[in-house]
Protein backbone atom coordinates (compact mmCIF):
# COMPACT_ATOMS: atom_id res chain seq x y z
CA MET A 1 -21.77 5.52 -11.04
CA PRO A 2 -22.46 2.49 -13.26
CA GLY A 3 -20.28 1.78 -16.27
CA LYS A 4 -21.47 2.92 -19.65
CA LYS A 5 -21.82 0.94 -22.88
CA ARG A 6 -22.11 2.17 -26.42
CA VAL A 7 -25.49 1.87 -28.04
CA THR A 8 -25.72 0.42 -31.51
CA LYS A 9 -27.53 2.16 -34.33
CA GLY A 10 -30.42 -0.24 -33.95
CA CYS A 11 -30.90 0.90 -30.36
CA ILE A 12 -30.82 4.64 -30.98
CA ILE A 13 -34.59 5.02 -31.13
CA ILE A 14 -35.06 2.99 -27.96
CA ALA A 15 -32.32 4.91 -26.19
CA ALA A 16 -33.88 8.21 -27.22
CA ALA A 17 -37.23 7.09 -25.88
CA VAL A 18 -35.72 6.03 -22.57
CA TRP A 19 -33.90 9.35 -22.28
CA THR A 20 -37.15 11.22 -22.92
CA ILE A 21 -38.87 9.27 -20.16
CA THR A 22 -36.15 10.16 -17.68
CA GLN A 23 -36.82 13.86 -18.30
CA ILE A 24 -40.48 13.54 -17.24
CA PRO A 25 -41.06 14.63 -13.63
CA MET A 26 -41.34 11.66 -11.29
CA PRO A 27 -44.76 10.86 -9.86
CA ARG A 28 -45.11 11.51 -6.17
CA GLU A 29 -44.62 7.89 -5.11
CA SER A 30 -41.48 7.57 -7.22
CA ALA A 31 -40.10 10.79 -5.79
CA LEU A 32 -39.99 9.10 -2.39
CA ILE A 33 -36.94 7.25 -3.64
CA ASN A 34 -34.99 10.47 -3.30
CA LYS A 35 -36.54 11.51 -0.04
CA ASN A 36 -33.57 10.90 2.22
CA ILE A 37 -30.74 11.59 -0.20
CA PRO A 38 -28.53 14.47 1.02
CA GLY A 39 -28.57 17.63 -1.02
CA ASN A 40 -31.69 16.64 -2.98
CA ARG A 41 -32.84 20.14 -3.85
CA THR A 42 -34.86 21.55 -6.68
CA LEU A 43 -33.72 24.53 -8.70
CA LEU A 44 -36.55 26.60 -7.25
CA GLU A 45 -35.40 25.78 -3.72
CA LEU A 46 -31.83 26.66 -4.56
CA SER A 47 -32.87 29.91 -6.21
CA ALA A 48 -34.98 30.89 -3.21
CA ASP A 49 -32.14 30.01 -0.86
CA TYR A 50 -29.74 32.11 -2.90
CA SER A 51 -32.08 35.09 -2.97
CA ASN A 52 -32.36 35.03 0.81
CA LYS A 53 -28.59 35.01 1.20
CA THR A 54 -27.63 37.55 -1.43
CA ASN A 55 -26.88 40.32 1.06
CA GLU A 56 -25.79 38.16 3.96
CA VAL A 57 -22.38 37.04 5.05
CA GLU A 58 -22.88 33.30 5.49
CA GLU A 59 -19.36 32.19 6.39
CA ARG A 60 -16.16 33.60 7.77
CA GLY A 61 -13.73 34.37 5.00
CA VAL A 62 -16.21 35.72 2.44
CA PHE A 63 -17.88 39.10 2.30
CA LYS A 64 -20.23 40.53 -0.30
CA ILE A 65 -19.29 43.43 -2.52
CA ARG A 66 -22.15 45.86 -2.74
CA GLY A 67 -20.39 48.30 -5.06
CA GLU A 68 -19.07 47.89 -8.57
CA GLY A 69 -15.93 45.98 -7.66
CA ALA A 70 -13.38 45.02 -5.06
CA ASP A 71 -10.32 46.87 -3.91
CA SER A 72 -7.12 45.28 -5.09
CA ALA A 73 -5.47 45.40 -1.68
CA HIS A 74 -6.46 45.57 1.95
CA THR A 75 -4.45 45.95 5.12
CA GLY A 76 -7.10 46.60 7.73
CA ALA A 77 -8.38 44.15 10.30
CA ASP A 78 -12.08 44.91 10.50
CA ASP A 79 -13.32 42.84 7.58
CA VAL A 80 -13.80 39.10 7.62
CA LEU A 81 -10.49 37.28 7.70
CA ASP A 82 -9.64 34.19 5.73
CA ALA A 83 -10.68 31.54 8.26
CA GLU A 84 -7.79 29.27 7.35
CA THR A 85 -5.26 32.01 8.04
CA GLU A 86 -6.83 32.85 11.38
CA LYS A 87 -6.94 29.18 12.36
CA HIS A 88 -3.27 28.63 11.64
CA VAL A 89 -2.16 31.79 13.40
CA ASN A 90 -4.33 31.09 16.44
CA LYS A 91 -3.15 27.49 16.53
CA GLU A 92 0.03 28.85 18.04
CA GLY A 93 -2.25 30.42 20.64
CA LYS A 94 -0.70 31.98 23.65
CA ALA A 95 2.47 29.90 23.46
CA VAL A 96 4.55 30.98 20.50
CA GLU A 97 7.51 29.04 19.01
CA GLU A 98 10.31 27.83 21.19
CA GLU A 99 12.63 29.10 18.47
CA GLY A 100 12.67 32.33 16.53
CA VAL A 101 10.22 34.40 18.64
CA ASP A 102 10.98 36.57 21.63
CA ASP A 103 9.80 35.38 25.04
CA LYS A 104 7.67 38.50 25.41
CA ASP A 105 5.20 37.01 22.90
CA LYS A 106 4.58 33.73 24.74
CA ASN A 107 1.46 34.79 26.61
CA GLU A 108 0.11 37.12 23.99
CA ASP A 109 -3.57 36.81 23.14
CA VAL A 110 -4.00 36.39 19.38
CA ASP A 111 -7.70 35.62 19.23
CA SER A 112 -8.72 39.06 17.99
CA HIS A 113 -8.38 40.10 14.38
CA PRO A 114 -6.09 43.05 15.21
CA GLN A 115 -3.68 40.66 16.93
CA VAL A 116 -3.74 38.24 14.00
CA ASP A 117 -3.26 41.15 11.63
CA ARG A 118 -0.28 42.41 13.64
CA ARG A 119 1.35 38.98 13.74
CA LEU A 120 1.14 38.71 9.97
CA LYS A 121 2.40 42.26 9.48
CA ASP A 122 5.41 41.40 11.63
CA LEU A 123 6.26 38.87 8.91
CA GLY A 124 5.73 41.45 6.18
CA LEU A 125 2.36 39.95 5.24
CA HIS A 126 -0.75 41.97 4.45
CA PHE A 127 -4.26 41.05 3.42
CA ARG A 128 -5.86 41.63 0.06
CA ASN A 129 -9.23 40.91 -1.50
CA TYR A 130 -9.37 37.94 -3.85
CA THR A 131 -12.15 37.94 -6.41
CA PHE A 132 -13.32 35.63 -9.16
CA PRO A 133 -14.23 37.26 -12.51
CA GLY A 134 -17.94 38.03 -12.63
CA CYS A 135 -18.58 37.39 -8.92
CA HIS A 136 -19.86 40.11 -6.59
CA CYS A 137 -17.99 38.84 -3.56
CA ALA A 138 -14.41 38.76 -2.37
CA ARG A 139 -12.30 36.72 0.00
CA LEU A 140 -9.72 38.13 2.35
CA GLY A 141 -6.38 36.37 2.16
CA ILE A 142 -2.64 36.89 2.34
CA ASP A 143 -1.25 38.98 -0.50
CA MET A 144 0.68 36.69 -2.85
CA GLY A 145 3.50 39.18 -3.43
CA ASP A 146 4.11 39.42 0.30
CA LEU A 147 3.80 35.67 0.66
CA ARG A 148 6.39 34.94 -2.03
CA ARG A 149 8.87 37.30 -0.37
CA ALA A 150 8.23 35.81 3.07
CA ARG A 151 8.62 32.24 1.83
CA ALA A 152 11.91 33.10 0.14
CA GLU A 153 13.14 34.71 3.34
CA ALA A 154 11.96 31.76 5.44
CA ALA A 155 13.98 29.42 3.23
CA ARG A 156 17.09 31.46 4.07
CA ARG A 157 16.36 32.18 7.73
CA PRO A 158 13.79 29.68 9.08
CA GLU A 159 14.73 30.52 12.67
CA SER A 160 13.15 33.96 12.20
CA PHE A 161 9.70 32.61 11.35
CA PRO A 162 6.99 31.06 13.57
CA ARG A 163 6.29 27.37 13.36
CA TRP A 164 2.78 27.82 11.98
CA PHE A 165 4.16 29.68 8.95
CA LEU A 166 6.92 27.14 8.29
CA GLU A 167 4.46 24.25 8.54
CA ARG A 168 1.74 25.86 6.47
CA PHE A 169 4.04 26.89 3.62
CA SER A 170 6.57 24.07 3.69
CA PHE A 171 5.57 22.90 0.18
CA ALA A 172 7.56 23.93 -2.88
CA GLY A 173 5.97 25.99 -5.63
CA GLU A 174 2.38 27.20 -5.83
CA SER A 175 -1.08 25.74 -6.26
CA THR A 176 -2.12 24.64 -9.73
CA CYS A 177 -5.58 26.07 -9.05
CA SER A 178 -5.28 29.74 -8.04
CA ASP A 179 -3.39 32.26 -5.93
CA PHE A 180 -6.05 32.08 -3.26
CA ALA A 181 -5.61 28.31 -3.11
CA THR A 182 -1.87 28.84 -2.66
CA GLN A 183 -2.28 31.21 0.28
CA ARG A 184 -4.54 28.66 1.97
CA GLY A 185 -1.32 26.79 2.64
CA GLY A 186 -0.26 23.20 2.23
CA ARG A 187 -1.66 19.88 3.41
CA GLN A 188 -4.98 20.56 1.70
CA LYS A 189 -7.53 17.79 1.44
CA VAL A 190 -9.48 18.24 -1.78
CA LEU A 191 -12.60 16.74 -3.34
CA SER A 192 -12.19 17.41 -7.05
CA PHE A 193 -15.05 18.02 -9.49
CA CYS A 194 -15.15 19.02 -13.15
CA TYR A 195 -17.61 21.13 -15.14
CA PHE A 196 -16.47 21.30 -18.74
CA ILE A 197 -18.37 22.61 -21.75
CA ASN A 198 -16.99 21.45 -25.08
CA LYS A 199 -19.04 23.93 -27.09
CA GLY A 200 -21.40 26.78 -26.38
CA LYS A 201 -22.56 28.08 -23.03
CA THR A 202 -24.49 26.98 -19.99
CA VAL A 203 -28.17 26.83 -20.92
CA PRO A 204 -30.71 26.49 -18.07
CA GLY A 205 -33.25 23.75 -18.60
CA THR A 206 -31.02 21.59 -20.78
CA ALA A 207 -30.00 18.06 -19.84
CA MET A 208 -26.39 19.19 -19.39
CA TYR A 209 -27.43 21.96 -17.02
CA ARG A 210 -29.63 19.66 -14.95
CA LYS A 211 -26.98 16.98 -14.75
CA TYR A 212 -23.79 18.94 -14.28
CA MET A 213 -24.61 22.34 -12.80
CA GLN A 214 -27.91 22.33 -10.96
CA HIS A 215 -26.72 19.83 -8.37
CA ALA A 216 -23.35 21.43 -7.52
CA TYR A 217 -24.65 24.02 -5.04
CA GLY A 218 -26.16 21.38 -2.79
CA THR A 219 -23.02 19.28 -3.06
CA ALA A 220 -20.93 22.15 -1.72
CA GLY A 221 -23.08 22.29 1.40
CA ASP A 222 -22.97 18.52 1.83
CA ILE A 223 -19.18 18.49 1.66
CA LYS A 224 -18.88 20.96 4.51
CA ARG A 225 -21.10 18.75 6.65
CA ILE A 226 -19.87 15.30 5.62
CA TYR A 227 -16.21 16.07 4.88
CA PRO A 228 -15.25 18.66 7.53
CA GLY A 229 -11.87 20.20 6.82
CA TRP A 230 -11.95 19.24 3.14
CA LEU A 231 -12.03 21.70 0.24
CA MET A 232 -14.16 21.43 -2.87
CA ARG A 233 -12.42 22.27 -6.13
CA ILE A 234 -14.39 22.76 -9.31
CA TYR A 235 -12.25 22.59 -12.44
CA HIS A 236 -14.23 24.32 -15.17
CA SER A 237 -14.10 25.90 -18.62
CA VAL A 238 -16.68 28.65 -18.00
CA THR A 239 -15.64 31.96 -19.54
CA ALA A 240 -16.92 35.49 -18.88
CA GLU A 241 -19.09 35.22 -22.00
CA ASP A 242 -21.02 32.37 -20.38
CA LEU A 243 -23.14 34.59 -18.15
CA ARG A 244 -25.35 31.85 -16.71
CA GLY A 245 -22.43 29.52 -16.08
CA THR A 246 -20.57 32.34 -14.33
CA GLU A 247 -23.65 33.18 -12.26
CA GLU A 248 -24.01 29.59 -11.07
CA LEU A 249 -20.33 29.22 -10.20
CA CYS A 250 -20.38 32.56 -8.37
CA ARG A 251 -23.39 31.44 -6.36
CA ILE A 252 -21.42 28.42 -5.17
CA TYR A 253 -18.18 30.36 -4.67
CA CYS A 254 -19.68 33.26 -2.74
CA ASP A 255 -21.79 31.15 -0.38
CA HIS A 256 -19.17 28.47 0.35
CA PRO A 257 -15.69 29.61 1.44
CA HIS A 258 -14.38 26.04 1.23
CA VAL A 259 -14.93 26.03 -2.56
CA ASP A 260 -12.14 26.95 -4.99
CA LEU A 261 -12.77 27.51 -8.70
CA CYS A 262 -9.99 26.44 -11.06
CA LEU A 263 -10.23 27.65 -14.65
CA VAL A 264 -9.00 25.25 -17.33
CA HIS A 265 -9.25 25.83 -21.08
CA ASP A 266 -7.74 22.92 -22.96
CA LEU A 267 -8.91 19.78 -21.20
CA PRO A 268 -11.77 17.68 -22.59
CA GLY A 269 -14.38 17.17 -19.91
CA ILE A 270 -14.00 13.44 -19.49
CA GLY A 271 -10.23 13.62 -19.12
CA CYS A 272 -10.53 16.55 -16.73
CA GLY A 273 -12.87 14.59 -14.50
CA ALA A 274 -10.52 11.62 -14.27
CA THR A 275 -7.28 13.45 -13.58
CA PRO A 276 -6.20 14.18 -10.00
CA PRO A 277 -5.75 17.71 -8.61
CA TRP A 278 -1.98 17.48 -8.78
CA GLY A 279 -0.09 20.20 -6.95
CA PRO A 280 2.31 20.74 -4.07
CA ALA A 281 -0.33 22.27 -1.79
CA VAL A 282 -2.60 19.20 -1.94
CA GLU A 283 -1.97 16.44 0.58
CA ALA A 284 -4.97 14.21 -0.17
CA PHE A 285 -7.45 14.21 -3.02
CA HIS A 286 -10.50 12.32 -4.19
CA CYS A 287 -12.10 12.70 -7.62
CA ARG A 288 -15.89 12.93 -7.83
CA ASP A 289 -18.48 13.31 -10.57
CA ILE A 290 -20.23 16.65 -10.27
CA ASP A 291 -23.67 15.03 -10.70
CA SER A 292 -23.11 12.54 -7.87
CA TYR A 293 -24.24 12.81 -4.27
CA VAL A 294 -21.68 13.07 -1.49
CA LEU A 295 -22.70 10.51 1.14
CA GLU A 296 -21.72 9.55 4.66
CA ARG A 297 -21.02 6.11 3.20
CA ASP A 298 -18.18 7.22 0.93
CA ALA A 299 -16.81 9.56 3.62
CA ALA A 300 -16.51 6.57 5.98
CA ALA A 301 -14.60 4.66 3.30
CA VAL A 302 -12.27 7.63 2.77
CA ARG A 303 -11.59 7.88 6.51
CA GLU A 304 -10.71 4.18 6.65
CA TRP A 305 -8.38 4.61 3.68
CA LEU A 306 -6.58 7.55 5.31
CA GLU A 307 -5.97 5.39 8.37
CA SER A 308 -4.79 2.40 6.33
CA GLY A 309 -1.36 3.68 5.31
CA LYS A 310 -2.09 3.02 1.63
CA THR A 311 -1.30 5.83 -0.80
CA TYR A 312 -4.22 5.37 -3.21
CA HIS A 313 -7.89 4.56 -2.87
CA ALA A 314 -10.70 3.20 -5.02
CA ILE A 315 -14.39 2.56 -4.38
CA HIS A 316 -16.61 0.07 -6.25
CA ASP A 317 -20.10 0.21 -4.79
CA HIS A 318 -22.49 -0.78 -7.60
CA PRO A 319 -22.77 -4.11 -9.47
CA SER A 320 -21.79 -2.38 -12.70
CA ASN A 321 -18.64 -0.81 -11.21
CA ASN A 322 -16.34 -3.27 -12.94
CA ALA A 323 -13.55 -0.97 -14.16
CA PRO A 324 -10.28 -1.02 -12.18
CA LEU A 325 -10.81 2.64 -11.25
CA MET A 326 -14.07 4.55 -11.49
CA GLY A 327 -13.58 8.12 -12.73
CA GLY A 328 -15.56 9.65 -9.87
CA LEU A 329 -14.52 7.32 -7.05
CA TRP A 330 -10.78 7.25 -6.68
CA GLY A 331 -8.20 9.29 -4.82
CA GLY A 332 -4.75 9.38 -3.36
CA LEU A 333 -2.10 11.05 -1.27
CA ASN A 334 0.34 13.27 -3.13
CA ARG A 335 3.35 11.47 -1.71
CA ASP A 336 4.96 11.10 -5.13
CA LEU A 337 4.45 14.41 -6.90
CA LYS A 338 6.64 13.39 -9.82
CA LEU A 339 4.48 10.33 -10.47
CA MET A 340 1.26 12.34 -10.21
CA LYS A 341 2.62 14.96 -12.59
CA ARG A 342 3.71 12.30 -15.09
CA LEU A 343 0.34 10.52 -14.97
CA ARG A 344 -1.52 13.79 -15.34
CA GLU A 345 0.53 14.90 -18.34
CA THR A 346 0.20 11.50 -19.99
CA MET A 347 -3.58 11.65 -19.63
CA TYR A 348 -3.72 15.19 -21.00
CA ASN A 349 -1.73 14.15 -24.05
CA ALA A 350 -4.20 11.34 -24.69
CA THR A 351 -7.31 13.53 -24.62
CA MET A 352 -7.62 13.68 -28.40
CA MET A 353 -9.70 10.52 -27.98
CA ASP A 354 -12.85 12.48 -27.23
CA PHE A 355 -15.38 9.75 -26.64
CA LYS A 356 -17.62 8.94 -23.73
CA PRO A 357 -15.67 6.27 -21.80
CA LEU A 358 -12.41 8.22 -22.06
CA ASP A 359 -12.03 8.57 -18.30
CA GLN A 360 -12.27 4.81 -17.74
CA VAL A 361 -9.81 4.11 -20.57
CA LEU A 362 -7.24 6.56 -19.21
CA LEU A 363 -7.57 5.27 -15.68
CA ARG A 364 -7.36 1.64 -16.75
CA LYS A 365 -4.40 2.00 -19.10
CA ILE A 366 -2.36 4.75 -17.45
CA VAL A 367 -3.19 5.22 -13.77
CA PHE A 368 -4.17 1.80 -12.42
CA PRO A 369 -0.95 -0.02 -13.46
CA ALA A 370 1.10 2.66 -11.70
CA ILE A 371 -0.77 2.61 -8.37
CA LYS A 372 -2.28 -0.87 -8.00
CA ASP A 373 0.41 -2.14 -5.61
CA ASP A 374 -0.26 0.64 -3.09
CA LEU A 375 -4.04 0.78 -3.34
CA LEU A 376 -6.86 0.23 -0.85
CA ASN A 377 -9.92 -0.88 -2.79
CA HIS A 378 -13.33 -0.76 -1.12
CA ALA A 379 -15.83 -2.96 -2.95
CA SER A 380 -19.32 -4.20 -2.15
CA TYR A 381 -21.29 -6.12 -4.78
CA PRO A 382 -18.49 -6.23 -7.39
CA CYS A 383 -15.83 -7.56 -4.97
CA GLN A 384 -15.50 -10.78 -6.99
CA VAL A 385 -14.74 -9.02 -10.28
CA ALA A 386 -11.16 -10.04 -11.05
CA ARG A 387 -10.19 -6.94 -12.99
CA ILE A 388 -10.69 -4.59 -10.02
CA GLY A 389 -8.15 -6.51 -7.96
CA PRO A 390 -8.13 -7.36 -4.24
CA SER A 391 -10.65 -5.47 -2.12
CA VAL A 392 -12.07 -4.97 1.35
CA PRO A 393 -15.75 -4.41 2.26
CA LEU A 394 -17.07 -0.92 2.81
CA PRO A 395 -17.12 -0.07 6.54
CA THR A 396 -20.79 0.96 6.77
CA GLN A 397 -24.05 -0.76 5.99
CA ARG A 398 -25.96 0.47 2.95
CA GLN A 399 -28.87 2.80 3.65
CA GLY A 400 -31.79 2.07 1.34
CA ILE A 401 -30.81 2.30 -2.31
CA GLU A 402 -27.92 4.71 -1.93
CA PHE A 403 -24.43 3.87 -3.14
CA CYS A 404 -21.17 5.72 -3.58
CA GLY A 405 -21.37 7.58 -6.88
CA LEU A 406 -25.17 7.72 -6.94
CA SER A 407 -26.13 10.22 -9.63
CA ALA A 408 -28.65 12.92 -8.80
CA PHE A 409 -29.60 12.81 -12.47
CA ASN A 410 -30.52 9.12 -12.41
CA PRO A 411 -31.43 7.97 -8.88
CA TYR A 412 -33.18 4.89 -10.29
CA GLN A 413 -29.78 3.22 -10.58
CA GLY A 414 -30.08 2.23 -6.94
CA ILE A 415 -33.31 0.24 -7.39
CA LEU A 416 -31.14 -2.72 -8.36
CA PHE A 417 -30.25 -3.22 -4.69
CA ARG A 418 -33.86 -4.09 -3.92
CA GLU A 419 -33.64 -7.02 -6.31
CA ARG A 420 -30.19 -8.39 -5.42
CA ASP A 421 -28.49 -9.45 -2.23
CA CYS A 422 -24.84 -8.76 -1.67
CA PRO A 423 -22.63 -11.85 -2.21
CA LEU A 424 -21.65 -13.32 1.14
CA GLU A 425 -17.98 -13.06 0.17
CA CYS A 426 -18.36 -9.29 -0.23
CA ARG A 427 -19.80 -8.65 3.22
CA PRO A 428 -17.65 -7.71 6.22
CA LYS A 429 -16.62 -10.84 8.14
CA GLU A 430 -18.09 -9.38 11.31
CA HIS A 431 -21.37 -8.53 9.54
CA PRO A 432 -22.56 -11.49 7.44
CA ASP A 433 -26.06 -10.21 8.17
CA TRP A 434 -25.52 -7.17 5.92
CA VAL A 435 -27.62 -8.59 3.11
CA LYS A 436 -27.38 -5.26 1.29
CA CYS A 437 -23.71 -4.71 2.08
């Protein structure tokens, strides 16, 4: 995700010509550059894949609606259960809490849906169908009205509730994304993306569509494989009038139960992409650009960060990554919710500056000064850039021309690695042989 510079008026014609060239399909030999990049799918392939899955249930926790709509409530146990709910209930397994549950329940089998359903009903919890406007699918989750009552009661009488419930809903308040995100419970790990349209609607075939929407479906699948246990949140401004935008988001939402859609109306796209998914239900987050690939390389860096004890994380993996924080390559733990809320609100109030590098400006001026003393910074080639601060090498060796933040819209950015070797100072001490660190 290289940094961007303004073009002068004298360069407009040249820039336009370069942009035109990038829209021309790559010749076969050039296309080999993308051969091994995860999620590299064409629109035709995605459309075919979607057509094949339209009437299938691909994952636990999502079922297709074949009628005109979804019921507003559900208390049966035969449909597909929210996988997260089932996991947490079954985590207690055959041994139930030492406190607050009768001994007669200790050896009870809760692996079947009826048993899970009964356990939740004992707490006054029922299931309901959650839908997203315009989508012909629904997700089964805990009814929010029941959940609010149960949480209030648990605050008064915690000894009457099982440990899994107290642990899952120990956070205060509700998710800033959606009711369904709230009933998922706390301690969520979230990869955050943004799809924001300043004006108009999603138009297939346009540069904006190719860059910001076409790639998202494949990214959702890659996240499940590369970041197991993590959720994908897409913050977006798509309204019901944007039929194609709604269709694309629904395709992602219905086929990937680990994806949550968060509707936002008043956030400029750049600012939205740079701000963290603040909220009490989120334990860890990482911001990503929606046109970037999710790679094993950045997942390895995130794992090392989570083990480091540091609260915040940054990645600089391209020679041009010279900003203190890159808008699509930073994250943190929500240990200080007040700080995250303050930073988020400050950035929102500054979004009147609607120009291209807004995300980098906000991160440099507002976020970085507040988190730099508790930050793990992974850097490869730009490790000697003073403004990014102290850094450590990335834990894995580079594969080909890939790099964290590699854009699906402009894969040629990685060709630079063929021409340059990584500075010796930026390589891991135990791997000075990593010429392309």
